[in-house]
Amino acid sequence: MNKIIKKSYEIKDVYFFLGIVLLTITVFFSPEYINPIKKYIGVIAVILFLAKISLSEYTKKEYIIAFFVE
């Protein structure tokens, strides 16, 4: 029997992963290629992180910590 572990991701996890990918792109690519769109990528990444935070169920203390960390 094939035992395959399936992991279903929620949309908030996908937002988080996409945000990480976008920030990684801005860090590793040469500035001459990424500079024209770097601020747009940063804004999109922050929006994705905010969407992830807003869709997650946190306590008030955790929301405050997430606000200051971001």
PDB file of N, CA and C in Angstrom:
ATOM      1  N   MET A   1       0.819  -1.190   0.000  1.00  0.00           N
ATOM      2  CA  MET A   1       0.000   0.000   0.000  1.00  0.00           C
ATOM      3  C   MET A   1       0.861   1.252   0.000  1.00  0.00           C
ATOM      4  N   ASN A   2       0.438   2.196  -0.758  1.00  0.00           N
ATOM      5  CA  ASN A   2       1.116   3.496  -0.750  1.00  0.00           C
ATOM      6  C   ASN A   2       0.572   4.338   0.383  1.00  0.00           C
ATOM      7  N   LYS A   3       1.470   4.759   1.217  1.00  0.00           N
ATOM      8  CA  LYS A   3       1.058   5.649   2.302  1.00  0.00           C
ATOM      9  C   LYS A   3       1.530   7.053   1.953  1.00  0.00           C
ATOM     10  N   ILE A   4       0.589   7.867   1.601  1.00  0.00           N
ATOM     11  CA  ILE A   4       0.895   9.245   1.242  1.00  0.00           C
ATOM     12  C   ILE A   4       0.255  10.149   2.281  1.00  0.00           C
ATOM     13  N   ILE A   5       1.078  10.990   2.862  1.00  0.00           N
ATOM     14  CA  ILE A   5       0.560  11.944   3.840  1.00  0.00           C
ATOM     15  C   ILE A   5       0.120  13.179   3.085  1.00  0.00           C
ATOM     16  N   LYS A   6      -1.140  13.481   3.202  1.00  0.00           N
ATOM     17  CA  LYS A   6      -1.684  14.652   2.523  1.00  0.00           C
ATOM     18  C   LYS A   6      -1.857  15.765   3.533  1.00  0.00           C
ATOM     19  N   LYS A   7      -1.376  16.928   3.177  1.00  0.00           N
ATOM     20  CA  LYS A   7      -1.505  18.100   4.029  1.00  0.00           C
ATOM     21  C   LYS A   7      -2.327  19.117   3.261  1.00  0.00           C
ATOM     22  N   SER A   8      -3.453  19.475   3.811  1.00  0.00           N
ATOM     23  CA  SER A   8      -4.256  20.495   3.168  1.00  0.00           C
ATOM     24  C   SER A   8      -3.951  21.830   3.821  1.00  0.00           C
ATOM     25  N   TYR A   9      -3.629  22.786   2.992  1.00  0.00           N
ATOM     26  CA  TYR A   9      -3.290  24.114   3.486  1.00  0.00           C
ATOM     27  C   TYR A   9      -4.517  25.004   3.434  1.00  0.00           C
ATOM     28  N   GLU A  10      -4.659  25.820   4.463  1.00  0.00           N
ATOM     29  CA  GLU A  10      -5.737  26.798   4.469  1.00  0.00           C
ATOM     30  C   GLU A  10      -5.267  28.015   3.695  1.00  0.00           C
ATOM     31  N   ILE A  11      -6.201  28.850   3.303  1.00  0.00           N
ATOM     32  CA  ILE A  11      -5.871  30.016   2.488  1.00  0.00           C
ATOM     33  C   ILE A  11      -4.941  30.959   3.240  1.00  0.00           C
ATOM     34  N   LYS A  12      -5.077  31.048   4.568  1.00  0.00           N
ATOM     35  CA  LYS A  12      -4.200  31.931   5.335  1.00  0.00           C
ATOM     36  C   LYS A  12      -2.753  31.440   5.282  1.00  0.00           C
ATOM     37  N   ASP A  13      -2.551  30.129   5.208  1.00  0.00           N
ATOM     38  CA  ASP A  13      -1.197  29.592   5.077  1.00  0.00           C
ATOM     39  C   ASP A  13      -0.612  29.905   3.703  1.00  0.00           C
ATOM     40  N   VAL A  14      -1.445  29.857   2.687  1.00  0.00           N
ATOM     41  CA  VAL A  14      -0.997  30.179   1.331  1.00  0.00           C
ATOM     42  C   VAL A  14      -0.584  31.647   1.257  1.00  0.00           C
ATOM     43  N   TYR A  15      -1.359  32.545   1.884  1.00  0.00           N
ATOM     44  CA  TYR A  15      -0.991  33.959   1.925  1.00  0.00           C
ATOM     45  C   TYR A  15       0.376  34.138   2.567  1.00  0.00           C
ATOM     46  N   PHE A  16       0.605  33.439   3.674  1.00  0.00           N
ATOM     47  CA  PHE A  16       1.880  33.550   4.373  1.00  0.00           C
ATOM     48  C   PHE A  16       3.031  33.063   3.495  1.00  0.00           C
ATOM     49  N   PHE A  17       2.862  31.911   2.861  1.00  0.00           N
ATOM     50  CA  PHE A  17       3.914  31.363   2.011  1.00  0.00           C
ATOM     51  C   PHE A  17       4.204  32.276   0.816  1.00  0.00           C
ATOM     52  N   LEU A  18       3.170  32.844   0.218  1.00  0.00           N
ATOM     53  CA  LEU A  18       3.378  33.761  -0.898  1.00  0.00           C
ATOM     54  C   LEU A  18       4.119  35.018  -0.452  1.00  0.00           C
ATOM     55  N   GLY A  19       3.793  35.526   0.728  1.00  0.00           N
ATOM     56  CA  GLY A  19       4.505  36.681   1.267  1.00  0.00           C
ATOM     57  C   GLY A  19       5.980  36.388   1.461  1.00  0.00           C
ATOM     58  N   ILE A  20       6.282  35.217   1.995  1.00  0.00           N
ATOM     59  CA  ILE A  20       7.677  34.818   2.188  1.00  0.00           C
ATOM     60  C   ILE A  20       8.396  34.699   0.845  1.00  0.00           C
ATOM     61  N   VAL A  21       7.743  34.122  -0.146  1.00  0.00           N
ATOM     62  CA  VAL A  21       8.346  33.975  -1.474  1.00  0.00           C
ATOM     63  C   VAL A  21       8.648  35.347  -2.071  1.00  0.00           C
ATOM     64  N   LEU A  22       7.709  36.274  -1.966  1.00  0.00           N
ATOM     65  CA  LEU A  22       7.928  37.606  -2.528  1.00  0.00           C
ATOM     66  C   LEU A  22       9.084  38.325  -1.839  1.00  0.00           C
ATOM     67  N   LEU A  23       9.158  38.234  -0.526  1.00  0.00           N
ATOM     68  CA  LEU A  23      10.265  38.870   0.181  1.00  0.00           C
ATOM     69  C   LEU A  23      11.597  38.200  -0.150  1.00  0.00           C
ATOM     70  N   THR A  24      11.588  36.901  -0.355  1.00  0.00           N
ATOM     71  CA  THR A  24      12.806  36.194  -0.732  1.00  0.00           C
ATOM     72  C   THR A  24      13.280  36.631  -2.113  1.00  0.00           C
ATOM     73  N   ILE A  25      12.358  36.845  -3.020  1.00  0.00           N
ATOM     74  CA  ILE A  25      12.715  37.311  -4.359  1.00  0.00           C
ATOM     75  C   ILE A  25      13.423  38.655  -4.285  1.00  0.00           C
ATOM     76  N   THR A  26      12.918  39.562  -3.466  1.00  0.00           N
ATOM     77  CA  THR A  26      13.537  40.883  -3.374  1.00  0.00           C
ATOM     78  C   THR A  26      14.918  40.824  -2.731  1.00  0.00           C
ATOM     79  N   VAL A  27      15.173  39.842  -1.889  1.00  0.00           N
ATOM     80  CA  VAL A  27      16.468  39.737  -1.228  1.00  0.00           C
ATOM     81  C   VAL A  27      17.527  39.113  -2.142  1.00  0.00           C
ATOM     82  N   PHE A  28      17.175  38.090  -2.896  1.00  0.00           N
ATOM     83  CA  PHE A  28      18.176  37.322  -3.621  1.00  0.00           C
ATOM     84  C   PHE A  28      18.459  37.794  -5.045  1.00  0.00           C
ATOM     85  N   PHE A  29      17.558  38.539  -5.646  1.00  0.00           N
ATOM     86  CA  PHE A  29      17.822  38.991  -7.008  1.00  0.00           C
ATOM     87  C   PHE A  29      18.629  40.275  -7.015  1.00  0.00           C
ATOM     88  N   SER A  30      19.347  40.481  -8.072  1.00  0.00           N
ATOM     89  CA  SER A  30      20.206  41.649  -8.221  1.00  0.00           C
ATOM     90  C   SER A  30      19.378  42.933  -8.173  1.00  0.00           C
ATOM     91  N   PRO A  31      19.877  43.953  -7.486  1.00  0.00           N
ATOM     92  CA  PRO A  31      19.133  45.218  -7.376  1.00  0.00           C
ATOM     93  C   PRO A  31      18.803  45.858  -8.721  1.00  0.00           C
ATOM     94  N   GLU A  32      19.629  45.668  -9.713  1.00  0.00           N
ATOM     95  CA  GLU A  32      19.359  46.305 -11.001  1.00  0.00           C
ATOM     96  C   GLU A  32      18.118  45.719 -11.684  1.00  0.00           C
ATOM     97  N   TYR A  33      17.796  44.472 -11.369  1.00  0.00           N
ATOM     98  CA  TYR A  33      16.616  43.849 -11.971  1.00  0.00           C
ATOM     99  C   TYR A  33      15.352  44.069 -11.143  1.00  0.00           C
ATOM    100  N   ILE A  34      15.484  44.148  -9.829  1.00  0.00           N
ATOM    101  CA  ILE A  34      14.316  44.140  -8.961  1.00  0.00           C
ATOM    102  C   ILE A  34      13.930  45.534  -8.455  1.00  0.00           C
ATOM    103  N   ASN A  35      14.823  46.513  -8.523  1.00  0.00           N
ATOM    104  CA  ASN A  35      14.546  47.833  -7.967  1.00  0.00           C
ATOM    105  C   ASN A  35      13.278  48.498  -8.491  1.00  0.00           C
ATOM    106  N   PRO A  36      13.003  48.452  -9.792  1.00  0.00           N
ATOM    107  CA  PRO A  36      11.796  49.137 -10.273  1.00  0.00           C
ATOM    108  C   PRO A  36      10.494  48.605  -9.652  1.00  0.00           C
ATOM    109  N   ILE A  37      10.466  47.345  -9.266  1.00  0.00           N
ATOM    110  CA  ILE A  37       9.224  46.789  -8.720  1.00  0.00           C
ATOM    111  C   ILE A  37       9.341  46.390  -7.252  1.00  0.00           C
ATOM    112  N   LYS A  38      10.471  46.725  -6.632  1.00  0.00           N
ATOM    113  CA  LYS A  38      10.721  46.277  -5.259  1.00  0.00           C
ATOM    114  C   LYS A  38       9.677  46.809  -4.278  1.00  0.00           C
ATOM    115  N   LYS A  39       9.306  48.064  -4.390  1.00  0.00           N
ATOM    116  CA  LYS A  39       8.337  48.615  -3.442  1.00  0.00           C
ATOM    117  C   LYS A  39       6.957  47.981  -3.635  1.00  0.00           C
ATOM    118  N   TYR A  40       6.600  47.643  -4.864  1.00  0.00           N
ATOM    119  CA  TYR A  40       5.307  47.003  -5.104  1.00  0.00           C
ATOM    120  C   TYR A  40       5.278  45.591  -4.522  1.00  0.00           C
ATOM    121  N   ILE A  41       6.388  44.881  -4.680  1.00  0.00           N
ATOM    122  CA  ILE A  41       6.479  43.539  -4.108  1.00  0.00           C
ATOM    123  C   ILE A  41       6.390  43.612  -2.583  1.00  0.00           C
ATOM    124  N   GLY A  42       7.054  44.597  -1.991  1.00  0.00           N
ATOM    125  CA  GLY A  42       6.996  44.780  -0.540  1.00  0.00           C
ATOM    126  C   GLY A  42       5.593  45.067  -0.048  1.00  0.00           C
ATOM    127  N   VAL A  43       4.871  45.913  -0.756  1.00  0.00           N
ATOM    128  CA  VAL A  43       3.495  46.244  -0.378  1.00  0.00           C
ATOM    129  C   VAL A  43       2.598  45.015  -0.486  1.00  0.00           C
ATOM    130  N   ILE A  44       2.758  44.263  -1.553  1.00  0.00           N
ATOM    131  CA  ILE A  44       1.952  43.048  -1.728  1.00  0.00           C
ATOM    132  C   ILE A  44       2.259  42.045  -0.621  1.00  0.00           C
ATOM    133  N   ALA A  45       3.540  41.896  -0.270  1.00  0.00           N
ATOM    134  CA  ALA A  45       3.917  40.964   0.789  1.00  0.00           C
ATOM    135  C   ALA A  45       3.299  41.377   2.123  1.00  0.00           C
ATOM    136  N   VAL A  46       3.332  42.667   2.435  1.00  0.00           N
ATOM    137  CA  VAL A  46       2.728  43.145   3.693  1.00  0.00           C
ATOM    138  C   VAL A  46       1.228  42.902   3.689  1.00  0.00           C
ATOM    139  N   ILE A  47       0.572  43.132   2.567  1.00  0.00           N
ATOM    140  CA  ILE A  47      -0.873  42.875   2.467  1.00  0.00           C
ATOM    141  C   ILE A  47      -1.169  41.395   2.687  1.00  0.00           C
ATOM    142  N   LEU A  48      -0.341  40.526   2.121  1.00  0.00           N
ATOM    143  CA  LEU A  48      -0.535  39.084   2.315  1.00  0.00           C
ATOM    144  C   LEU A  48      -0.343  38.693   3.780  1.00  0.00           C
ATOM    145  N   PHE A  49       0.666  39.281   4.443  1.00  0.00           N
ATOM    146  CA  PHE A  49       0.878  38.988   5.863  1.00  0.00           C
ATOM    147  C   PHE A  49      -0.288  39.499   6.705  1.00  0.00           C
ATOM    148  N   LEU A  50      -0.797  40.690   6.376  1.00  0.00           N
ATOM    149  CA  LEU A  50      -1.947  41.227   7.112  1.00  0.00           C
ATOM    150  C   LEU A  50      -3.189  40.361   6.897  1.00  0.00           C
ATOM    151  N   ALA A  51      -3.363  39.861   5.685  1.00  0.00           N
ATOM    152  CA  ALA A  51      -4.490  38.968   5.413  1.00  0.00           C
ATOM    153  C   ALA A  51      -4.371  37.689   6.223  1.00  0.00           C
ATOM    154  N   LYS A  52      -3.162  37.157   6.326  1.00  0.00           N
ATOM    155  CA  LYS A  52      -2.944  35.943   7.113  1.00  0.00           C
ATOM    156  C   LYS A  52      -3.255  36.196   8.580  1.00  0.00           C
ATOM    157  N   ILE A  53      -2.791  37.323   9.096  1.00  0.00           N
ATOM    158  CA  ILE A  53      -3.038  37.652  10.493  1.00  0.00           C
ATOM    159  C   ILE A  53      -4.524  37.854  10.752  1.00  0.00           C
ATOM    160  N   SER A  54      -5.209  38.538   9.835  1.00  0.00           N
ATOM    161  CA  SER A  54      -6.630  38.804  10.041  1.00  0.00           C
ATOM    162  C   SER A  54      -7.485  37.540   9.941  1.00  0.00           C
ATOM    163  N   LEU A  55      -7.038  36.547   9.186  1.00  0.00           N
ATOM    164  CA  LEU A  55      -7.798  35.303   9.051  1.00  0.00           C
ATOM    165  C   LEU A  55      -7.498  34.308  10.169  1.00  0.00           C
ATOM    166  N   SER A  56      -6.424  34.540  10.901  1.00  0.00           N
ATOM    167  CA  SER A  56      -6.055  33.645  11.991  1.00  0.00           C
ATOM    168  C   SER A  56      -6.775  34.054  13.272  1.00  0.00           C
ATOM    169  N   GLU A  57      -6.965  33.091  14.130  1.00  0.00           N
ATOM    170  CA  GLU A  57      -7.624  33.363  15.404  1.00  0.00           C
ATOM    171  C   GLU A  57      -6.558  33.482  16.482  1.00  0.00           C
ATOM    172  N   TYR A  58      -6.273  34.716  16.867  1.00  0.00           N
ATOM    173  CA  TYR A  58      -5.275  34.991  17.884  1.00  0.00           C
ATOM    174  C   TYR A  58      -5.931  35.664  19.086  1.00  0.00           C
ATOM    175  N   THR A  59      -5.225  35.652  20.204  1.00  0.00           N
ATOM    176  CA  THR A  59      -5.661  36.413  21.359  1.00  0.00           C
ATOM    177  C   THR A  59      -5.218  37.863  21.165  1.00  0.00           C
ATOM    178  N   LYS A  60      -5.699  38.758  22.040  1.00  0.00           N
ATOM    179  CA  LYS A  60      -5.322  40.164  21.927  1.00  0.00           C
ATOM    180  C   LYS A  60      -3.810  40.338  22.061  1.00  0.00           C
ATOM    181  N   LYS A  61      -3.205  39.600  22.970  1.00  0.00           N
ATOM    182  CA  LYS A  61      -1.761  39.697  23.185  1.00  0.00           C
ATOM    183  C   LYS A  61      -1.007  39.263  21.928  1.00  0.00           C
ATOM    184  N   GLU A  62      -1.458  38.206  21.283  1.00  0.00           N
ATOM    185  CA  GLU A  62      -0.806  37.728  20.069  1.00  0.00           C
ATOM    186  C   GLU A  62      -0.961  38.726  18.925  1.00  0.00           C
ATOM    187  N   TYR A  63      -2.125  39.394  18.828  1.00  0.00           N
ATOM    188  CA  TYR A  63      -2.311  40.427  17.804  1.00  0.00           C
ATOM    189  C   TYR A  63      -1.334  41.575  18.020  1.00  0.00           C
ATOM    190  N   ILE A  64      -1.132  41.981  19.270  1.00  0.00           N
ATOM    191  CA  ILE A  64      -0.209  43.075  19.562  1.00  0.00           C
ATOM    192  C   ILE A  64       1.209  42.684  19.192  1.00  0.00           C
ATOM    193  N   ILE A  65       1.607  41.479  19.519  1.00  0.00           N
ATOM    194  CA  ILE A  65       2.948  40.999  19.175  1.00  0.00           C
ATOM    195  C   ILE A  65       3.109  40.938  17.660  1.00  0.00           C
ATOM    196  N   ALA A  66       2.118  40.429  16.941  1.00  0.00           N
ATOM    197  CA  ALA A  66       2.188  40.337  15.474  1.00  0.00           C
ATOM    198  C   ALA A  66       2.284  41.732  14.858  1.00  0.00           C
ATOM    199  N   PHE A  67       1.585  42.715  15.439  1.00  0.00           N
ATOM    200  CA  PHE A  67       1.622  44.073  14.912  1.00  0.00           C
ATOM    201  C   PHE A  67       3.026  44.659  15.027  1.00  0.00           C
ATOM    202  N   PHE A  68       3.675  44.452  16.169  1.00  0.00           N
ATOM    203  CA  PHE A  68       5.002  45.026  16.353  1.00  0.00           C
ATOM    204  C   PHE A  68       6.085  44.251  15.617  1.00  0.00           C
ATOM    205  N   VAL A  69       5.890  42.988  15.392  1.00  0.00           N
ATOM    206  CA  VAL A  69       6.877  42.186  14.668  1.00  0.00           C
ATOM    207  C   VAL A  69       6.840  42.518  13.187  1.00  0.00           C
ATOM    208  N   GLU A  70       5.670  42.734  12.649  1.00  0.00           N
ATOM    209  CA  GLU A  70       5.550  43.023  11.227  1.00  0.00           C
ATOM    210  C   GLU A  70       6.020  44.414  10.995  1.00  0.00           C
TER     211      GLU A  70
END
